[in-house]
């Protein structure tokens, strides 16, 4: 196709136009197929309720981040966050309001994190964050800031509250499973020691990849 003349109305013959239309139809089909593949790929790693990454997304990202941390000898911090009063929200206000609260938490975490951090919905009312290339002390400060932001979310007069636990590569573990186990344990230690909770509260089993 010769497309070097746009100054006159009769620059292209009918044959050229028909040929261009034929190419356009094929290109449109290819573009549509590519978009569908991208959407399927995105949905496979995305939590549909919150728009955050899901467990599959976490597993993909944590492998990449651990590989980078090993290669460049960087720290990688994993934070687990669990909402304390989410069951009360569902019981008192219904599941629709509970879903809205989860979306509010996701929005708050997205707004508070660094561009290099990633947030995932681990399941139910639990979330996981990856904070790369920052020392554990700084990551702990960020963790408490995130905790305060989420804890202050109000659902019709009820504060959500939250518990957090953090583990850092390489100090607390060299793989994702070890880091999850350590962060999960610390999170539930804090939850058990929290206001109105007995230290003998039954512990949930550590998460497994």
C-alpha atoms as a PDB file:
ATOM      1  CA  UNK A   1       0.000   0.000   0.000  1.00  0.00           C
ATOM      2  CA  UNK A   2       1.196   3.469  -0.884  1.00  0.00           C
ATOM      3  CA  UNK A   3       0.130   5.853   1.894  1.00  0.00           C
ATOM      4  CA  UNK A   4       2.316   8.831   1.068  1.00  0.00           C
ATOM      5  CA  UNK A   5      -0.360  11.204  -0.225  1.00  0.00           C
ATOM      6  CA  UNK A   6      -3.156  12.461   2.035  1.00  0.00           C
ATOM      7  CA  UNK A   7      -3.609  15.845   0.359  1.00  0.00           C
ATOM      8  CA  UNK A   8      -6.204  14.845  -2.247  1.00  0.00           C
ATOM      9  CA  UNK A   9      -9.469  12.955  -1.970  1.00  0.00           C
ATOM     10  CA  UNK A  10      -8.641  10.624  -4.869  1.00  0.00           C
ATOM     11  CA  UNK A  11      -5.196   9.626  -3.547  1.00  0.00           C
ATOM     12  CA  UNK A  12      -6.256   5.988  -3.279  1.00  0.00           C
ATOM     13  CA  UNK A  13      -8.112   3.813  -5.772  1.00  0.00           C
ATOM     14  CA  UNK A  14     -11.080   1.648  -4.834  1.00  0.00           C
ATOM     15  CA  UNK A  15      -8.823  -1.402  -4.983  1.00  0.00           C
ATOM     16  CA  UNK A  16      -6.460   0.221  -2.475  1.00  0.00           C
ATOM     17  CA  UNK A  17      -9.358   1.029  -0.158  1.00  0.00           C
ATOM     18  CA  UNK A  18     -10.752  -2.508  -0.352  1.00  0.00           C
ATOM     19  CA  UNK A  19      -7.300  -3.945   0.306  1.00  0.00           C
ATOM     20  CA  UNK A  20      -6.857  -1.633   3.292  1.00  0.00           C
ATOM     21  CA  UNK A  21     -10.256  -2.683   4.642  1.00  0.00           C
ATOM     22  CA  UNK A  22      -9.325  -6.345   4.306  1.00  0.00           C
ATOM     23  CA  UNK A  23      -6.085  -5.793   6.211  1.00  0.00           C
ATOM     24  CA  UNK A  24      -7.944  -3.775   8.853  1.00  0.00           C
ATOM     25  CA  UNK A  25     -10.390  -6.619   9.472  1.00  0.00           C
ATOM     26  CA  UNK A  26      -7.583  -9.125  10.015  1.00  0.00           C
ATOM     27  CA  UNK A  27      -5.687  -6.721  12.236  1.00  0.00           C
ATOM     28  CA  UNK A  28      -8.823  -6.067  14.300  1.00  0.00           C
ATOM     29  CA  UNK A  29      -9.281  -9.810  14.877  1.00  0.00           C
ATOM     30  CA  UNK A  30      -5.646 -10.173  15.977  1.00  0.00           C
ATOM     31  CA  UNK A  31      -5.882  -7.184  18.310  1.00  0.00           C
ATOM     32  CA  UNK A  32      -9.114  -8.493  19.824  1.00  0.00           C
ATOM     33  CA  UNK A  33      -7.565 -11.923  20.384  1.00  0.00           C
ATOM     34  CA  UNK A  34      -4.489 -10.360  21.987  1.00  0.00           C
ATOM     35  CA  UNK A  35      -6.701  -8.301  24.296  1.00  0.00           C
ATOM     36  CA  UNK A  36      -8.654 -11.410  25.313  1.00  0.00           C
ATOM     37  CA  UNK A  37      -5.453 -13.303  26.104  1.00  0.00           C
ATOM     38  CA  UNK A  38      -4.182 -10.374  28.172  1.00  0.00           C
ATOM     39  CA  UNK A  39      -7.487 -10.172  30.050  1.00  0.00           C
ATOM     40  CA  UNK A  40      -7.410 -13.898  30.814  1.00  0.00           C
ATOM     41  CA  UNK A  41      -3.834 -13.582  32.047  1.00  0.00           C
ATOM     42  CA  UNK A  42      -4.730 -10.601  34.199  1.00  0.00           C
ATOM     43  CA  UNK A  43      -7.800 -12.279  35.699  1.00  0.00           C
ATOM     44  CA  UNK A  44      -5.731 -15.352  36.614  1.00  0.00           C
ATOM     45  CA  UNK A  45      -3.563 -13.279  38.969  1.00  0.00           C
ATOM     46  CA  UNK A  46      -6.154 -10.726  40.162  1.00  0.00           C
ATOM     47  CA  UNK A  47      -8.643 -10.873  43.014  1.00  0.00           C
ATOM     48  CA  UNK A  48     -11.974 -10.026  41.430  1.00  0.00           C
ATOM     49  CA  UNK A  49     -13.427  -8.261  44.479  1.00  0.00           C
ATOM     50  CA  UNK A  50     -10.589  -5.870  45.324  1.00  0.00           C
ATOM     51  CA  UNK A  51      -8.532  -5.686  42.128  1.00  0.00           C
ATOM     52  CA  UNK A  52      -5.419  -6.633  44.107  1.00  0.00           C
ATOM     53  CA  UNK A  53      -3.213  -9.545  43.191  1.00  0.00           C
ATOM     54  CA  UNK A  54      -4.417 -12.957  44.324  1.00  0.00           C
ATOM     55  CA  UNK A  55      -2.403 -15.950  45.590  1.00  0.00           C
ATOM     56  CA  UNK A  56      -1.339 -16.932  42.086  1.00  0.00           C
ATOM     57  CA  UNK A  57      -0.201 -13.362  41.522  1.00  0.00           C
ATOM     58  CA  UNK A  58       1.706 -13.431  44.799  1.00  0.00           C
ATOM     59  CA  UNK A  59       3.496 -16.651  43.915  1.00  0.00           C
ATOM     60  CA  UNK A  60       4.647 -15.204  40.598  1.00  0.00           C
ATOM     61  CA  UNK A  61       5.798 -11.893  42.045  1.00  0.00           C
ATOM     62  CA  UNK A  62       7.511 -13.313  45.128  1.00  0.00           C
ATOM     63  CA  UNK A  63       9.597 -15.659  42.962  1.00  0.00           C
ATOM     64  CA  UNK A  64      10.774 -12.693  40.912  1.00  0.00           C
ATOM     65  CA  UNK A  65      11.444 -10.517  43.954  1.00  0.00           C
ATOM     66  CA  UNK A  66      13.376 -13.261  45.755  1.00  0.00           C
ATOM     67  CA  UNK A  67      15.500 -13.851  42.672  1.00  0.00           C
ATOM     68  CA  UNK A  68      16.307 -10.122  42.508  1.00  0.00           C
ATOM     69  CA  UNK A  69      17.035  -9.983  46.240  1.00  0.00           C
ATOM     70  CA  UNK A  70      19.474 -12.892  45.942  1.00  0.00           C
ATOM     71  CA  UNK A  71      21.153 -11.494  42.864  1.00  0.00           C
ATOM     72  CA  UNK A  72      21.650  -7.964  44.165  1.00  0.00           C
ATOM     73  CA  UNK A  73      21.846  -8.848  47.878  1.00  0.00           C
ATOM     74  CA  UNK A  74      18.832  -6.701  48.733  1.00  0.00           C
ATOM     75  CA  UNK A  75      16.378  -7.081  51.579  1.00  0.00           C
ATOM     76  CA  UNK A  76      12.859  -8.283  50.827  1.00  0.00           C
ATOM     77  CA  UNK A  77      10.155  -7.828  53.461  1.00  0.00           C
ATOM     78  CA  UNK A  78       6.873  -9.696  53.609  1.00  0.00           C
ATOM     79  CA  UNK A  79       3.985  -8.293  55.657  1.00  0.00           C
ATOM     80  CA  UNK A  80       0.812 -10.190  56.529  1.00  0.00           C
ATOM     81  CA  UNK A  81      -2.237  -8.217  57.662  1.00  0.00           C
ATOM     82  CA  UNK A  82      -5.429  -9.655  59.133  1.00  0.00           C
ATOM     83  CA  UNK A  83      -8.563  -7.647  59.932  1.00  0.00           C
ATOM     84  CA  UNK A  84      -9.688  -8.083  63.539  1.00  0.00           C
ATOM     85  CA  UNK A  85     -13.349  -7.076  63.363  1.00  0.00           C
ATOM     86  CA  UNK A  86     -14.314  -8.145  59.866  1.00  0.00           C
ATOM     87  CA  UNK A  87     -16.658 -10.910  61.087  1.00  0.00           C
ATOM     88  CA  UNK A  88     -18.555  -8.314  63.106  1.00  0.00           C
ATOM     89  CA  UNK A  89     -18.986  -6.220  59.979  1.00  0.00           C
ATOM     90  CA  UNK A  90     -20.533  -9.155  58.124  1.00  0.00           C
ATOM     91  CA  UNK A  91     -22.695 -10.177  61.075  1.00  0.00           C
ATOM     92  CA  UNK A  92     -23.990  -6.690  61.849  1.00  0.00           C
ATOM     93  CA  UNK A  93     -24.203  -5.076  58.433  1.00  0.00           C
ATOM     94  CA  UNK A  94     -24.300  -7.912  55.909  1.00  0.00           C
ATOM     95  CA  UNK A  95     -21.898  -9.351  53.369  1.00  0.00           C
ATOM     96  CA  UNK A  96     -22.395  -6.547  50.854  1.00  0.00           C
ATOM     97  CA  UNK A  97     -21.091  -4.073  53.415  1.00  0.00           C
ATOM     98  CA  UNK A  98     -18.294  -6.496  54.228  1.00  0.00           C
ATOM     99  CA  UNK A  99     -17.287  -6.613  50.563  1.00  0.00           C
ATOM    100  CA  UNK A 100     -17.289  -2.817  50.479  1.00  0.00           C
ATOM    101  CA  UNK A 101     -15.055  -2.771  53.565  1.00  0.00           C
ATOM    102  CA  UNK A 102     -12.570  -5.111  51.870  1.00  0.00           C
ATOM    103  CA  UNK A 103     -12.475  -2.809  48.862  1.00  0.00           C
ATOM    104  CA  UNK A 104     -11.844   0.139  51.193  1.00  0.00           C
ATOM    105  CA  UNK A 105      -8.940  -1.727  52.776  1.00  0.00           C
ATOM    106  CA  UNK A 106      -7.514  -2.543  49.358  1.00  0.00           C
ATOM    107  CA  UNK A 107      -7.784   1.122  48.321  1.00  0.00           C
ATOM    108  CA  UNK A 108      -6.095   2.248  51.540  1.00  0.00           C
ATOM    109  CA  UNK A 109      -3.207  -0.181  51.080  1.00  0.00           C
ATOM    110  CA  UNK A 110      -2.744   0.847  47.453  1.00  0.00           C
ATOM    111  CA  UNK A 111      -2.712   4.519  48.393  1.00  0.00           C
ATOM    112  CA  UNK A 112      -0.225   4.039  51.243  1.00  0.00           C
ATOM    113  CA  UNK A 113       2.356   1.769  49.630  1.00  0.00           C
ATOM    114  CA  UNK A 114       5.424   2.754  47.618  1.00  0.00           C
ATOM    115  CA  UNK A 115       5.396   2.302  43.842  1.00  0.00           C
ATOM    116  CA  UNK A 116       7.800  -0.617  44.212  1.00  0.00           C
ATOM    117  CA  UNK A 117       5.640  -2.415  46.800  1.00  0.00           C
ATOM    118  CA  UNK A 118       2.958  -4.918  45.828  1.00  0.00           C
ATOM    119  CA  UNK A 119      -0.255  -5.825  47.655  1.00  0.00           C
ATOM    120  CA  UNK A 120      -2.236  -9.057  47.463  1.00  0.00           C
ATOM    121  CA  UNK A 121      -5.461 -10.325  48.936  1.00  0.00           C
ATOM    122  CA  UNK A 122      -4.398 -13.573  50.551  1.00  0.00           C
ATOM    123  CA  UNK A 123      -7.956 -14.719  51.147  1.00  0.00           C
ATOM    124  CA  UNK A 124     -10.932 -13.772  53.295  1.00  0.00           C
ATOM    125  CA  UNK A 125      -9.895 -10.754  55.337  1.00  0.00           C
ATOM    126  CA  UNK A 126      -6.139 -11.297  55.059  1.00  0.00           C
ATOM    127  CA  UNK A 127      -3.673  -9.391  52.905  1.00  0.00           C
ATOM    128  CA  UNK A 128       0.005  -9.797  52.044  1.00  0.00           C
ATOM    129  CA  UNK A 129       2.440  -7.060  51.037  1.00  0.00           C
ATOM    130  CA  UNK A 130       5.919  -7.321  49.548  1.00  0.00           C
ATOM    131  CA  UNK A 131       8.291  -4.451  50.352  1.00  0.00           C
ATOM    132  CA  UNK A 132      11.534  -4.877  48.389  1.00  0.00           C
ATOM    133  CA  UNK A 133      14.861  -3.077  48.632  1.00  0.00           C
ATOM    134  CA  UNK A 134      14.299  -1.566  52.053  1.00  0.00           C
ATOM    135  CA  UNK A 135      15.932  -2.480  55.355  1.00  0.00           C
ATOM    136  CA  UNK A 136      13.759  -4.300  57.911  1.00  0.00           C
ATOM    137  CA  UNK A 137      13.752  -1.301  60.260  1.00  0.00           C
ATOM    138  CA  UNK A 138      12.296   0.953  57.579  1.00  0.00           C
ATOM    139  CA  UNK A 139       9.898  -1.784  56.491  1.00  0.00           C
ATOM    140  CA  UNK A 140       8.658  -2.103  60.089  1.00  0.00           C
ATOM    141  CA  UNK A 141       7.949   1.625  60.153  1.00  0.00           C
ATOM    142  CA  UNK A 142       6.005   1.304  56.904  1.00  0.00           C
ATOM    143  CA  UNK A 143       4.149  -1.712  58.295  1.00  0.00           C
ATOM    144  CA  UNK A 144       2.928   0.226  61.325  1.00  0.00           C
ATOM    145  CA  UNK A 145       1.865   3.108  59.104  1.00  0.00           C
ATOM    146  CA  UNK A 146      -0.171   0.710  56.969  1.00  0.00           C
ATOM    147  CA  UNK A 147      -1.626  -0.854  60.111  1.00  0.00           C
ATOM    148  CA  UNK A 148      -2.748   2.519  61.432  1.00  0.00           C
ATOM    149  CA  UNK A 149      -4.319   3.433  58.093  1.00  0.00           C
ATOM    150  CA  UNK A 150      -6.322   0.207  57.899  1.00  0.00           C
ATOM    151  CA  UNK A 151      -7.238   0.135  61.602  1.00  0.00           C
ATOM    152  CA  UNK A 152      -8.832   3.567  61.315  1.00  0.00           C
ATOM    153  CA  UNK A 153     -11.237   2.539  58.554  1.00  0.00           C
ATOM    154  CA  UNK A 154     -14.729   3.041  59.961  1.00  0.00           C
ATOM    155  CA  UNK A 155     -17.683   0.869  58.981  1.00  0.00           C
ATOM    156  CA  UNK A 156     -20.822   2.538  60.286  1.00  0.00           C
ATOM    157  CA  UNK A 157     -19.194   3.340  63.612  1.00  0.00           C
ATOM    158  CA  UNK A 158     -17.182   0.109  63.867  1.00  0.00           C
ATOM    159  CA  UNK A 159     -13.405   0.351  63.538  1.00  0.00           C
ATOM    160  CA  UNK A 160     -12.010  -2.532  61.538  1.00  0.00           C
ATOM    161  CA  UNK A 161      -8.818  -2.977  63.521  1.00  0.00           C
ATOM    162  CA  UNK A 162      -6.008  -5.181  62.214  1.00  0.00           C
ATOM    163  CA  UNK A 163      -3.011  -7.272  63.212  1.00  0.00           C
ATOM    164  CA  UNK A 164       0.247  -7.496  61.288  1.00  0.00           C
ATOM    165  CA  UNK A 165       3.366  -9.607  61.171  1.00  0.00           C
ATOM    166  CA  UNK A 166       6.533  -9.148  59.145  1.00  0.00           C
ATOM    167  CA  UNK A 167       9.388 -11.355  58.002  1.00  0.00           C
ATOM    168  CA  UNK A 168      12.491 -10.275  56.104  1.00  0.00           C
ATOM    169  CA  UNK A 169      14.768 -12.003  53.624  1.00  0.00           C
ATOM    170  CA  UNK A 170      17.426 -13.197  54.369  1.00  0.00           C
ATOM    171  CA  UNK A 171      17.194 -12.851  58.173  1.00  0.00           C
ATOM    172  CA  UNK A 172      13.912 -14.722  58.687  1.00  0.00           C
ATOM    173  CA  UNK A 173      14.012 -17.100  55.747  1.00  0.00           C
ATOM    174  CA  UNK A 174      15.413 -17.749  52.309  1.00  0.00           C
ATOM    175  CA  UNK A 175      12.236 -18.775  50.511  1.00  0.00           C
ATOM    176  CA  UNK A 176       8.615 -17.692  50.278  1.00  0.00           C
ATOM    177  CA  UNK A 177       7.265 -20.485  52.461  1.00  0.00           C
ATOM    178  CA  UNK A 178       9.644 -19.660  55.314  1.00  0.00           C
ATOM    179  CA  UNK A 179       8.839 -15.961  55.136  1.00  0.00           C
ATOM    180  CA  UNK A 180       5.087 -16.619  55.088  1.00  0.00           C
ATOM    181  CA  UNK A 181       5.374 -18.959  58.060  1.00  0.00           C
ATOM    182  CA  UNK A 182       7.374 -16.440  60.108  1.00  0.00           C
ATOM    183  CA  UNK A 183       5.174 -13.452  59.248  1.00  0.00           C
ATOM    184  CA  UNK A 184       2.020 -15.486  59.897  1.00  0.00           C
ATOM    185  CA  UNK A 185       3.278 -16.560  63.319  1.00  0.00           C
ATOM    186  CA  UNK A 186       4.160 -13.023  64.339  1.00  0.00           C
ATOM    187  CA  UNK A 187       0.818 -11.731  63.133  1.00  0.00           C
ATOM    188  CA  UNK A 188      -1.139 -14.177  65.272  1.00  0.00           C
ATOM    189  CA  UNK A 189       1.067 -13.544  68.284  1.00  0.00           C
ATOM    190  CA  UNK A 190       0.088  -9.884  68.049  1.00  0.00           C
ATOM    191  CA  UNK A 191      -3.549 -10.773  67.468  1.00  0.00           C
ATOM    192  CA  UNK A 192      -3.611 -13.078  70.513  1.00  0.00           C
ATOM    193  CA  UNK A 193      -2.015 -10.381  72.664  1.00  0.00           C
ATOM    194  CA  UNK A 194      -4.343  -7.656  71.411  1.00  0.00           C
ATOM    195  CA  UNK A 195      -7.023  -5.866  73.452  1.00  0.00           C
ATOM    196  CA  UNK A 196      -9.868  -8.113  74.481  1.00  0.00           C
ATOM    197  CA  UNK A 197      -8.154 -11.274  73.246  1.00  0.00           C
ATOM    198  CA  UNK A 198      -6.741 -14.035  75.399  1.00  0.00           C
ATOM    199  CA  UNK A 199      -3.154 -15.124  74.859  1.00  0.00           C
ATOM    200  CA  UNK A 200      -4.463 -18.679  74.775  1.00  0.00           C
ATOM    201  CA  UNK A 201      -6.532 -17.989  71.663  1.00  0.00           C
ATOM    202  CA  UNK A 202      -6.231 -20.859  69.212  1.00  0.00           C
ATOM    203  CA  UNK A 203      -3.706 -20.236  66.466  1.00  0.00           C
ATOM    204  CA  UNK A 204      -4.525 -20.763  62.816  1.00  0.00           C
ATOM    205  CA  UNK A 205      -2.269 -23.064  60.827  1.00  0.00           C
ATOM    206  CA  UNK A 206       0.539 -21.301  58.910  1.00  0.00           C
ATOM    207  CA  UNK A 207      -0.127 -20.670  55.256  1.00  0.00           C
ATOM    208  CA  UNK A 208       1.455 -22.924  52.692  1.00  0.00           C
ATOM    209  CA  UNK A 209       2.339 -22.146  49.093  1.00  0.00           C
END
